[in-house]
């Protein structure tokens, strides 16, 4: 897949060959703080989001399932926060 005209590999290659990337510090003991790692993650995340959008556009049934699951998860979270267990909710329905 391409995103903004480049494949992921092409975009990462351009990134690591760029002057701005080469100027970034590379002496971080914690890789999560390394600005080079953050720059790569931003690129990868952009492609990941583009792939998700493309998947949803090409497969509307997947989009419906994702939306349904999102609603179910939100409802489950509301129930947990209000102290209602799924068993308690089922018991209430049976009354």
C-alpha atoms as a PDB file:
ATOM      1  CA  UNK A   1       0.000   0.000   0.000  1.00  0.00           C
ATOM      2  CA  UNK A   2       1.070   3.549  -0.569  1.00  0.00           C
ATOM      3  CA  UNK A   3       0.344   6.520   1.649  1.00  0.00           C
ATOM      4  CA  UNK A   4       1.100  10.020   0.407  1.00  0.00           C
ATOM      5  CA  UNK A   5       2.682   8.440  -2.675  1.00  0.00           C
ATOM      6  CA  UNK A   6       5.247   6.223  -0.918  1.00  0.00           C
ATOM      7  CA  UNK A   7       5.306   2.704   0.453  1.00  0.00           C
ATOM      8  CA  UNK A   8       6.215   2.377   4.122  1.00  0.00           C
ATOM      9  CA  UNK A   9       9.689   1.171   3.193  1.00  0.00           C
ATOM     10  CA  UNK A  10      10.245   4.129   0.841  1.00  0.00           C
ATOM     11  CA  UNK A  11       9.064   6.626   3.451  1.00  0.00           C
ATOM     12  CA  UNK A  12      11.260   5.175   6.201  1.00  0.00           C
ATOM     13  CA  UNK A  13      14.242   5.188   3.834  1.00  0.00           C
ATOM     14  CA  UNK A  14      13.636   8.873   3.067  1.00  0.00           C
ATOM     15  CA  UNK A  15      13.330   9.579   6.782  1.00  0.00           C
ATOM     16  CA  UNK A  16      16.621   7.968   7.820  1.00  0.00           C
ATOM     17  CA  UNK A  17      18.437   9.587   4.894  1.00  0.00           C
ATOM     18  CA  UNK A  18      17.114  13.057   5.733  1.00  0.00           C
ATOM     19  CA  UNK A  19      19.322  15.772   7.201  1.00  0.00           C
ATOM     20  CA  UNK A  20      16.806  16.435   9.979  1.00  0.00           C
ATOM     21  CA  UNK A  21      16.872  12.775  11.060  1.00  0.00           C
ATOM     22  CA  UNK A  22      20.673  12.658  11.032  1.00  0.00           C
ATOM     23  CA  UNK A  23      20.813  15.726  13.268  1.00  0.00           C
ATOM     24  CA  UNK A  24      18.717  14.070  15.972  1.00  0.00           C
ATOM     25  CA  UNK A  25      20.587  12.910  19.054  1.00  0.00           C
ATOM     26  CA  UNK A  26      21.358   9.211  19.252  1.00  0.00           C
ATOM     27  CA  UNK A  27      22.694   8.892  22.790  1.00  0.00           C
ATOM     28  CA  UNK A  28      19.510   7.936  24.617  1.00  0.00           C
ATOM     29  CA  UNK A  29      19.805   4.973  26.964  1.00  0.00           C
ATOM     30  CA  UNK A  30      16.013   4.588  26.902  1.00  0.00           C
ATOM     31  CA  UNK A  31      14.877   3.904  23.317  1.00  0.00           C
ATOM     32  CA  UNK A  32      11.373   5.191  24.070  1.00  0.00           C
ATOM     33  CA  UNK A  33      12.860   8.677  24.548  1.00  0.00           C
ATOM     34  CA  UNK A  34      14.963   8.578  21.374  1.00  0.00           C
ATOM     35  CA  UNK A  35      13.605  11.191  18.938  1.00  0.00           C
ATOM     36  CA  UNK A  36      14.673   8.982  16.021  1.00  0.00           C
ATOM     37  CA  UNK A  37      12.465   6.172  17.319  1.00  0.00           C
ATOM     38  CA  UNK A  38       9.605   8.635  17.811  1.00  0.00           C
ATOM     39  CA  UNK A  39      10.001   9.887  14.227  1.00  0.00           C
ATOM     40  CA  UNK A  40       9.859   6.328  12.880  1.00  0.00           C
ATOM     41  CA  UNK A  41       6.832   5.520  15.014  1.00  0.00           C
ATOM     42  CA  UNK A  42       4.990   8.577  13.660  1.00  0.00           C
ATOM     43  CA  UNK A  43       5.584   7.355  10.111  1.00  0.00           C
ATOM     44  CA  UNK A  44       4.561   3.781  10.942  1.00  0.00           C
ATOM     45  CA  UNK A  45       1.455   4.948  12.825  1.00  0.00           C
ATOM     46  CA  UNK A  46       0.397   7.008   9.805  1.00  0.00           C
ATOM     47  CA  UNK A  47       0.590   3.944   7.570  1.00  0.00           C
ATOM     48  CA  UNK A  48      -1.218   1.821  10.159  1.00  0.00           C
ATOM     49  CA  UNK A  49      -4.115   4.292  10.320  1.00  0.00           C
ATOM     50  CA  UNK A  50      -4.257   4.540   6.520  1.00  0.00           C
ATOM     51  CA  UNK A  51      -4.387   0.738   6.279  1.00  0.00           C
ATOM     52  CA  UNK A  52      -7.227   0.603   8.824  1.00  0.00           C
ATOM     53  CA  UNK A  53      -9.193   3.216   6.863  1.00  0.00           C
ATOM     54  CA  UNK A  54      -8.648   1.322   3.629  1.00  0.00           C
ATOM     55  CA  UNK A  55      -9.719  -1.964   5.244  1.00  0.00           C
ATOM     56  CA  UNK A  56     -12.921  -0.403   6.572  1.00  0.00           C
ATOM     57  CA  UNK A  57     -13.726   1.221   3.222  1.00  0.00           C
ATOM     58  CA  UNK A  58     -13.197  -2.023   1.324  1.00  0.00           C
ATOM     59  CA  UNK A  59     -15.034  -4.188   3.890  1.00  0.00           C
ATOM     60  CA  UNK A  60     -18.103  -2.411   5.291  1.00  0.00           C
ATOM     61  CA  UNK A  61     -19.056  -5.495   7.319  1.00  0.00           C
ATOM     62  CA  UNK A  62     -15.828  -5.139   9.300  1.00  0.00           C
ATOM     63  CA  UNK A  63     -16.649  -1.493   9.982  1.00  0.00           C
ATOM     64  CA  UNK A  64     -20.087  -2.505  11.273  1.00  0.00           C
ATOM     65  CA  UNK A  65     -18.499  -5.089  13.569  1.00  0.00           C
ATOM     66  CA  UNK A  66     -15.960  -2.590  14.889  1.00  0.00           C
ATOM     67  CA  UNK A  67     -18.687  -0.044  15.598  1.00  0.00           C
ATOM     68  CA  UNK A  68     -20.847  -2.665  17.327  1.00  0.00           C
ATOM     69  CA  UNK A  69     -17.907  -3.812  19.467  1.00  0.00           C
ATOM     70  CA  UNK A  70     -17.064  -0.214  20.375  1.00  0.00           C
ATOM     71  CA  UNK A  71     -20.625   0.374  21.587  1.00  0.00           C
ATOM     72  CA  UNK A  72     -20.589  -2.906  23.554  1.00  0.00           C
ATOM     73  CA  UNK A  73     -17.264  -2.021  25.192  1.00  0.00           C
ATOM     74  CA  UNK A  74     -18.530   1.438  26.139  1.00  0.00           C
ATOM     75  CA  UNK A  75     -21.664  -0.056  27.673  1.00  0.00           C
ATOM     76  CA  UNK A  76     -19.623  -2.619  29.613  1.00  0.00           C
ATOM     77  CA  UNK A  77     -17.431   0.205  30.935  1.00  0.00           C
ATOM     78  CA  UNK A  78     -20.469   2.176  32.073  1.00  0.00           C
ATOM     79  CA  UNK A  79     -21.816  -0.905  33.837  1.00  0.00           C
ATOM     80  CA  UNK A  80     -18.500  -1.508  35.625  1.00  0.00           C
ATOM     81  CA  UNK A  81     -18.254   2.117  36.730  1.00  0.00           C
ATOM     82  CA  UNK A  82     -21.798   2.027  38.090  1.00  0.00           C
ATOM     83  CA  UNK A  83     -21.112  -1.225  39.954  1.00  0.00           C
ATOM     84  CA  UNK A  84     -23.438  -3.402  37.898  1.00  0.00           C
ATOM     85  CA  UNK A  85     -22.039  -6.809  37.035  1.00  0.00           C
ATOM     86  CA  UNK A  86     -23.089  -8.622  33.883  1.00  0.00           C
ATOM     87  CA  UNK A  87     -24.767 -11.199  36.148  1.00  0.00           C
ATOM     88  CA  UNK A  88     -26.654  -8.434  37.945  1.00  0.00           C
ATOM     89  CA  UNK A  89     -27.747  -6.921  34.655  1.00  0.00           C
ATOM     90  CA  UNK A  90     -29.047 -10.292  33.482  1.00  0.00           C
ATOM     91  CA  UNK A  91     -30.876 -10.775  36.782  1.00  0.00           C
ATOM     92  CA  UNK A  92     -32.521  -7.364  36.346  1.00  0.00           C
ATOM     93  CA  UNK A  93     -33.666  -8.336  32.871  1.00  0.00           C
ATOM     94  CA  UNK A  94     -35.285 -11.469  34.279  1.00  0.00           C
ATOM     95  CA  UNK A  95     -37.510  -9.526  36.705  1.00  0.00           C
END
